[in-house]
Amino acid sequence: MTQLKRRSRRKPKVEPGPKINPAPAGTEGGSFQPLSQQDIQRIVDAAYQVLERTGIEVGPSPCRDLFEASGCRVDAEKNRVFIPANLIDKARELARPEVLLAGRDPKYDLQLGGRKVYLGTGGQAVKILDIDDNVRETTLADNYHIGRLVDTLDHIHFYMRPVVCRDLSNEEIDINQLYACMSATKSTS
């Protein structure tokens, strides 16, 4: 009988190669097109119809006054604003084709528009699966810790709060979430 040699369980030391970002910010996208131009136009036409016929809910406010002054029909009793097609067309003509999402450091700025693709977080999860395989309600600390993780990942280009702080009252959530997210990250706004 021959004795089999035991393989070393240690992995051979590998010298680190050049750092390559697998998903650089602003990479041009557009190759995945599940909808035809005809399908897209049907969606746009339906949106026009909804805005003009069904309208949107806007409570009494300077915003609603602006809609009315711009030519929208307003049903004050139902808090409904109906936006005509010509106003939508005018707004689309005036809209900028690109928008700057500025980071606290300009090297993290994102130019949104065109065919540029960015990957980021977001959401409103109220439960999380923690490291001990327990499902629990999300906390302010989760926003902070997820932000710290995201800040180290080159392929995540922006950070928006991914979870709701279930350990705070509704009145305390917004300002505390903002603080946790901002203090957890250096690269994103």
C-alpha atoms as a PDB file:
ATOM      1  CA  MET A   1       0.000   0.000   0.000  1.00  0.00           C
ATOM      2  CA  THR A   2       1.200   3.421  -0.845  1.00  0.00           C
ATOM      3  CA  GLN A   3       0.683   6.207   1.486  1.00  0.00           C
ATOM      4  CA  LEU A   4      -0.993   9.311   0.061  1.00  0.00           C
ATOM      5  CA  LYS A   5       0.799  12.536   0.677  1.00  0.00           C
ATOM      6  CA  ARG A   6      -1.169  15.043   2.637  1.00  0.00           C
ATOM      7  CA  ARG A   7      -1.764  18.289   0.882  1.00  0.00           C
ATOM      8  CA  SER A   8      -0.868  21.394   2.738  1.00  0.00           C
ATOM      9  CA  ARG A   9      -3.958  23.236   3.872  1.00  0.00           C
ATOM     10  CA  ARG A  10      -2.140  26.516   3.641  1.00  0.00           C
ATOM     11  CA  LYS A  11      -2.864  28.489   0.562  1.00  0.00           C
ATOM     12  CA  PRO A  12       0.172  29.581  -1.381  1.00  0.00           C
ATOM     13  CA  LYS A  13       1.069  33.222  -0.900  1.00  0.00           C
ATOM     14  CA  VAL A  14      -0.190  35.231  -3.833  1.00  0.00           C
ATOM     15  CA  GLU A  15       1.275  38.626  -4.543  1.00  0.00           C
ATOM     16  CA  PRO A  16      -1.428  41.256  -4.960  1.00  0.00           C
ATOM     17  CA  GLY A  17      -1.837  42.397  -8.537  1.00  0.00           C
ATOM     18  CA  PRO A  18      -2.992  45.781  -9.696  1.00  0.00           C
ATOM     19  CA  LYS A  19      -6.239  46.910  -8.099  1.00  0.00           C
ATOM     20  CA  ILE A  20      -9.001  46.744 -10.717  1.00  0.00           C
ATOM     21  CA  ASN A  21     -12.415  48.252 -10.118  1.00  0.00           C
ATOM     22  CA  PRO A  22     -14.923  45.745 -11.543  1.00  0.00           C
ATOM     23  CA  ALA A  23     -17.646  48.381 -11.895  1.00  0.00           C
ATOM     24  CA  PRO A  24     -16.198  51.871 -12.342  1.00  0.00           C
ATOM     25  CA  ALA A  25     -18.607  54.737 -11.702  1.00  0.00           C
ATOM     26  CA  GLY A  26     -20.278  56.131 -14.772  1.00  0.00           C
ATOM     27  CA  THR A  27     -19.642  53.161 -17.019  1.00  0.00           C
ATOM     28  CA  GLU A  28     -21.754  53.473 -20.156  1.00  0.00           C
ATOM     29  CA  GLY A  29     -24.736  51.176 -20.132  1.00  0.00           C
ATOM     30  CA  GLY A  30     -27.605  50.599 -22.478  1.00  0.00           C
ATOM     31  CA  SER A  31     -27.030  47.134 -23.851  1.00  0.00           C
ATOM     32  CA  PHE A  32     -29.948  45.635 -21.886  1.00  0.00           C
ATOM     33  CA  GLN A  33     -33.114  46.887 -23.568  1.00  0.00           C
ATOM     34  CA  PRO A  34     -36.119  44.757 -22.593  1.00  0.00           C
ATOM     35  CA  LEU A  35     -38.607  47.237 -24.097  1.00  0.00           C
ATOM     36  CA  SER A  36     -38.983  48.273 -27.707  1.00  0.00           C
ATOM     37  CA  GLN A  37     -39.283  51.977 -28.602  1.00  0.00           C
ATOM     38  CA  GLN A  38     -42.976  51.309 -29.257  1.00  0.00           C
ATOM     39  CA  ASP A  39     -43.394  49.865 -25.729  1.00  0.00           C
ATOM     40  CA  ILE A  40     -41.583  52.853 -24.221  1.00  0.00           C
ATOM     41  CA  GLN A  41     -43.827  55.267 -26.122  1.00  0.00           C
ATOM     42  CA  ARG A  42     -46.931  53.445 -24.846  1.00  0.00           C
ATOM     43  CA  ILE A  43     -45.695  53.939 -21.260  1.00  0.00           C
ATOM     44  CA  VAL A  44     -44.977  57.634 -21.877  1.00  0.00           C
ATOM     45  CA  ASP A  45     -48.434  58.121 -23.440  1.00  0.00           C
ATOM     46  CA  ALA A  46     -50.071  56.376 -20.468  1.00  0.00           C
ATOM     47  CA  ALA A  47     -48.164  58.624 -18.039  1.00  0.00           C
ATOM     48  CA  TYR A  48     -49.410  61.710 -19.905  1.00  0.00           C
ATOM     49  CA  GLN A  49     -52.973  60.413 -19.644  1.00  0.00           C
ATOM     50  CA  VAL A  50     -52.681  59.702 -15.923  1.00  0.00           C
ATOM     51  CA  LEU A  51     -51.226  63.150 -15.181  1.00  0.00           C
ATOM     52  CA  GLU A  52     -53.909  64.920 -17.235  1.00  0.00           C
ATOM     53  CA  ARG A  53     -56.995  62.803 -16.447  1.00  0.00           C
ATOM     54  CA  THR A  54     -56.348  61.333 -12.982  1.00  0.00           C
ATOM     55  CA  GLY A  55     -53.917  63.957 -11.728  1.00  0.00           C
ATOM     56  CA  ILE A  56     -51.775  63.903  -8.619  1.00  0.00           C
ATOM     57  CA  GLU A  57     -52.546  64.715  -5.013  1.00  0.00           C
ATOM     58  CA  VAL A  58     -51.123  68.052  -3.870  1.00  0.00           C
ATOM     59  CA  GLY A  59     -52.336  69.588  -0.630  1.00  0.00           C
ATOM     60  CA  PRO A  60     -52.813  73.311  -0.123  1.00  0.00           C
ATOM     61  CA  SER A  61     -49.323  74.743  -0.547  1.00  0.00           C
ATOM     62  CA  PRO A  62     -47.172  77.135  -2.565  1.00  0.00           C
ATOM     63  CA  CYS A  63     -46.454  74.120  -4.792  1.00  0.00           C
ATOM     64  CA  ARG A  64     -50.141  73.720  -5.637  1.00  0.00           C
ATOM     65  CA  ASP A  65     -50.408  77.475  -6.237  1.00  0.00           C
ATOM     66  CA  LEU A  66     -47.502  77.227  -8.680  1.00  0.00           C
ATOM     67  CA  PHE A  67     -49.214  74.387 -10.553  1.00  0.00           C
ATOM     68  CA  GLU A  68     -52.379  76.474 -10.823  1.00  0.00           C
ATOM     69  CA  ALA A  69     -50.483  79.592 -11.969  1.00  0.00           C
ATOM     70  CA  SER A  70     -48.770  77.444 -14.618  1.00  0.00           C
ATOM     71  CA  GLY A  71     -52.080  76.388 -16.146  1.00  0.00           C
ATOM     72  CA  CYS A  72     -52.990  73.204 -14.304  1.00  0.00           C
ATOM     73  CA  ARG A  73     -56.576  72.512 -13.329  1.00  0.00           C
ATOM     74  CA  VAL A  74     -56.902  72.229  -9.551  1.00  0.00           C
ATOM     75  CA  ASP A  75     -59.674  70.493  -7.629  1.00  0.00           C
ATOM     76  CA  ALA A  76     -59.119  72.030  -4.173  1.00  0.00           C
ATOM     77  CA  GLU A  77     -61.821  69.884  -2.572  1.00  0.00           C
ATOM     78  CA  LYS A  78     -60.018  66.672  -3.531  1.00  0.00           C
ATOM     79  CA  ASN A  79     -56.490  68.136  -3.358  1.00  0.00           C
ATOM     80  CA  ARG A  80     -56.053  67.067  -6.984  1.00  0.00           C
ATOM     81  CA  VAL A  81     -53.864  68.747  -9.636  1.00  0.00           C
ATOM     82  CA  PHE A  82     -54.337  67.834 -13.314  1.00  0.00           C
ATOM     83  CA  ILE A  83     -51.282  68.509 -15.472  1.00  0.00           C
ATOM     84  CA  PRO A  84     -51.924  69.158 -19.189  1.00  0.00           C
ATOM     85  CA  ALA A  85     -49.707  67.635 -21.886  1.00  0.00           C
ATOM     86  CA  ASN A  86     -48.361  71.011 -23.078  1.00  0.00           C
ATOM     87  CA  LEU A  87     -47.033  71.761 -19.565  1.00  0.00           C
ATOM     88  CA  ILE A  88     -45.386  68.322 -19.361  1.00  0.00           C
ATOM     89  CA  ASP A  89     -43.754  68.929 -22.775  1.00  0.00           C
ATOM     90  CA  LYS A  90     -42.481  72.350 -21.658  1.00  0.00           C
ATOM     91  CA  ALA A  91     -41.044  70.875 -18.436  1.00  0.00           C
ATOM     92  CA  ARG A  92     -39.321  68.082 -20.400  1.00  0.00           C
ATOM     93  CA  GLU A  93     -37.753  70.661 -22.743  1.00  0.00           C
ATOM     94  CA  LEU A  94     -36.433  72.690 -19.817  1.00  0.00           C
ATOM     95  CA  ALA A  95     -35.146  69.703 -17.834  1.00  0.00           C
ATOM     96  CA  ARG A  96     -31.387  69.364 -17.776  1.00  0.00           C
ATOM     97  CA  PRO A  97     -30.090  66.214 -19.495  1.00  0.00           C
ATOM     98  CA  GLU A  98     -27.565  65.654 -16.691  1.00  0.00           C
ATOM     99  CA  VAL A  99     -27.543  66.354 -12.957  1.00  0.00           C
ATOM    100  CA  LEU A 100     -24.567  66.476 -10.620  1.00  0.00           C
ATOM    101  CA  LEU A 101     -24.857  64.361  -7.469  1.00  0.00           C
ATOM    102  CA  ALA A 102     -22.045  65.992  -5.510  1.00  0.00           C
ATOM    103  CA  GLY A 103     -19.942  64.110  -3.001  1.00  0.00           C
ATOM    104  CA  ARG A 104     -18.379  65.836  -0.037  1.00  0.00           C
ATOM    105  CA  ASP A 105     -15.093  65.425  -1.906  1.00  0.00           C
ATOM    106  CA  PRO A 106     -15.291  66.297  -5.641  1.00  0.00           C
ATOM    107  CA  LYS A 107     -13.494  63.065  -6.548  1.00  0.00           C
ATOM    108  CA  TYR A 108     -16.707  61.248  -5.560  1.00  0.00           C
ATOM    109  CA  ASP A 109     -19.051  63.409  -7.670  1.00  0.00           C
ATOM    110  CA  LEU A 110     -21.473  61.494  -9.906  1.00  0.00           C
ATOM    111  CA  GLN A 111     -22.721  63.003 -13.163  1.00  0.00           C
ATOM    112  CA  LEU A 112     -26.196  61.488 -13.602  1.00  0.00           C
ATOM    113  CA  GLY A 113     -27.676  61.308 -17.074  1.00  0.00           C
ATOM    114  CA  GLY A 114     -27.262  59.874 -20.508  1.00  0.00           C
ATOM    115  CA  ARG A 115     -26.231  56.235 -20.517  1.00  0.00           C
ATOM    116  CA  LYS A 116     -24.062  56.365 -17.381  1.00  0.00           C
ATOM    117  CA  VAL A 117     -24.656  53.595 -14.855  1.00  0.00           C
ATOM    118  CA  TYR A 118     -24.020  53.744 -11.119  1.00  0.00           C
ATOM    119  CA  LEU A 119     -24.659  51.190  -8.403  1.00  0.00           C
ATOM    120  CA  GLY A 120     -25.805  52.160  -4.938  1.00  0.00           C
ATOM    121  CA  THR A 121     -27.882  51.307  -1.933  1.00  0.00           C
ATOM    122  CA  GLY A 122     -31.346  52.409  -0.945  1.00  0.00           C
ATOM    123  CA  GLY A 123     -34.579  51.026   0.380  1.00  0.00           C
ATOM    124  CA  GLN A 124     -36.669  50.945   3.485  1.00  0.00           C
ATOM    125  CA  ALA A 125     -36.032  47.550   5.010  1.00  0.00           C
ATOM    126  CA  VAL A 126     -37.553  47.181   8.479  1.00  0.00           C
ATOM    127  CA  LYS A 127     -35.999  43.773   9.197  1.00  0.00           C
ATOM    128  CA  ILE A 128     -32.461  42.486   8.802  1.00  0.00           C
ATOM    129  CA  LEU A 129     -30.784  39.080   8.938  1.00  0.00           C
ATOM    130  CA  ASP A 130     -27.870  39.625  11.292  1.00  0.00           C
ATOM    131  CA  ILE A 131     -24.561  37.802  11.481  1.00  0.00           C
ATOM    132  CA  ASP A 132     -25.970  35.291  13.987  1.00  0.00           C
ATOM    133  CA  ASP A 133     -28.775  34.246  11.590  1.00  0.00           C
ATOM    134  CA  ASN A 134     -31.379  36.151  13.587  1.00  0.00           C
ATOM    135  CA  VAL A 135     -34.064  38.177  11.848  1.00  0.00           C
ATOM    136  CA  ARG A 136     -34.633  41.366  13.804  1.00  0.00           C
ATOM    137  CA  GLU A 137     -35.902  44.919  13.380  1.00  0.00           C
ATOM    138  CA  THR A 138     -33.431  47.382  11.876  1.00  0.00           C
ATOM    139  CA  THR A 139     -31.763  50.056  13.987  1.00  0.00           C
ATOM    140  CA  LEU A 140     -29.889  53.325  13.622  1.00  0.00           C
ATOM    141  CA  ALA A 141     -26.668  51.383  14.178  1.00  0.00           C
ATOM    142  CA  ASP A 142     -27.481  49.230  11.118  1.00  0.00           C
ATOM    143  CA  ASN A 143     -27.548  52.370   8.937  1.00  0.00           C
ATOM    144  CA  TYR A 144     -24.142  53.324  10.295  1.00  0.00           C
ATOM    145  CA  HIS A 145     -22.560  49.872   9.945  1.00  0.00           C
ATOM    146  CA  ILE A 146     -23.912  49.308   6.433  1.00  0.00           C
ATOM    147  CA  GLY A 147     -22.557  52.752   5.509  1.00  0.00           C
ATOM    148  CA  ARG A 148     -19.096  51.827   6.828  1.00  0.00           C
ATOM    149  CA  LEU A 149     -19.154  48.660   4.718  1.00  0.00           C
ATOM    150  CA  VAL A 150     -20.362  50.471   1.590  1.00  0.00           C
ATOM    151  CA  ASP A 151     -17.657  53.105   2.028  1.00  0.00           C
ATOM    152  CA  THR A 152     -14.988  50.419   1.557  1.00  0.00           C
ATOM    153  CA  LEU A 153     -16.526  48.885  -1.581  1.00  0.00           C
ATOM    154  CA  ASP A 154     -15.223  50.421  -4.813  1.00  0.00           C
ATOM    155  CA  HIS A 155     -18.108  49.089  -6.897  1.00  0.00           C
ATOM    156  CA  ILE A 156     -20.806  50.795  -4.805  1.00  0.00           C
ATOM    157  CA  HIS A 157     -20.950  54.376  -6.066  1.00  0.00           C
ATOM    158  CA  PHE A 158     -23.459  56.007  -3.713  1.00  0.00           C
ATOM    159  CA  TYR A 159     -25.027  55.390  -0.330  1.00  0.00           C
ATOM    160  CA  MET A 160     -28.657  56.074   0.540  1.00  0.00           C
ATOM    161  CA  ARG A 161     -30.055  54.771   3.776  1.00  0.00           C
ATOM    162  CA  PRO A 162     -31.028  51.146   3.173  1.00  0.00           C
ATOM    163  CA  VAL A 163     -32.966  50.499   6.376  1.00  0.00           C
ATOM    164  CA  VAL A 164     -35.494  52.264   8.610  1.00  0.00           C
ATOM    165  CA  CYS A 165     -34.445  52.931  12.191  1.00  0.00           C
ATOM    166  CA  ARG A 166     -37.068  50.976  14.082  1.00  0.00           C
ATOM    167  CA  ASP A 167     -35.447  51.873  17.399  1.00  0.00           C
ATOM    168  CA  LEU A 168     -36.414  55.568  17.059  1.00  0.00           C
ATOM    169  CA  SER A 169     -39.697  57.449  17.121  1.00  0.00           C
ATOM    170  CA  ASN A 170     -40.977  58.830  13.830  1.00  0.00           C
ATOM    171  CA  GLU A 171     -40.019  62.354  14.896  1.00  0.00           C
ATOM    172  CA  GLU A 172     -36.395  61.306  15.525  1.00  0.00           C
ATOM    173  CA  ILE A 173     -35.760  59.160  12.448  1.00  0.00           C
ATOM    174  CA  ASP A 174     -34.882  61.627   9.680  1.00  0.00           C
ATOM    175  CA  ILE A 175     -32.202  63.717  11.374  1.00  0.00           C
ATOM    176  CA  ASN A 176     -30.608  60.720  13.081  1.00  0.00           C
ATOM    177  CA  GLN A 177     -30.557  58.614   9.897  1.00  0.00           C
ATOM    178  CA  LEU A 178     -28.921  61.483   8.032  1.00  0.00           C
ATOM    179  CA  TYR A 179     -26.286  61.862  10.735  1.00  0.00           C
ATOM    180  CA  ALA A 180     -25.560  58.113  10.854  1.00  0.00           C
ATOM    181  CA  CYS A 181     -25.251  57.854   7.072  1.00  0.00           C
ATOM    182  CA  MET A 182     -23.054  60.947   6.761  1.00  0.00           C
ATOM    183  CA  SER A 183     -20.761  59.997   9.618  1.00  0.00           C
ATOM    184  CA  ALA A 184     -20.366  56.461   8.250  1.00  0.00           C
ATOM    185  CA  THR A 185     -19.168  57.552   4.816  1.00  0.00           C
ATOM    186  CA  LYS A 186     -16.505  59.785   3.400  1.00  0.00           C
ATOM    187  CA  SER A 187     -17.024  59.142  -0.274  1.00  0.00           C
ATOM    188  CA  THR A 188     -20.727  59.721  -0.814  1.00  0.00           C
ATOM    189  CA  SER A 189     -23.255  62.339  -0.019  1.00  0.00           C
END
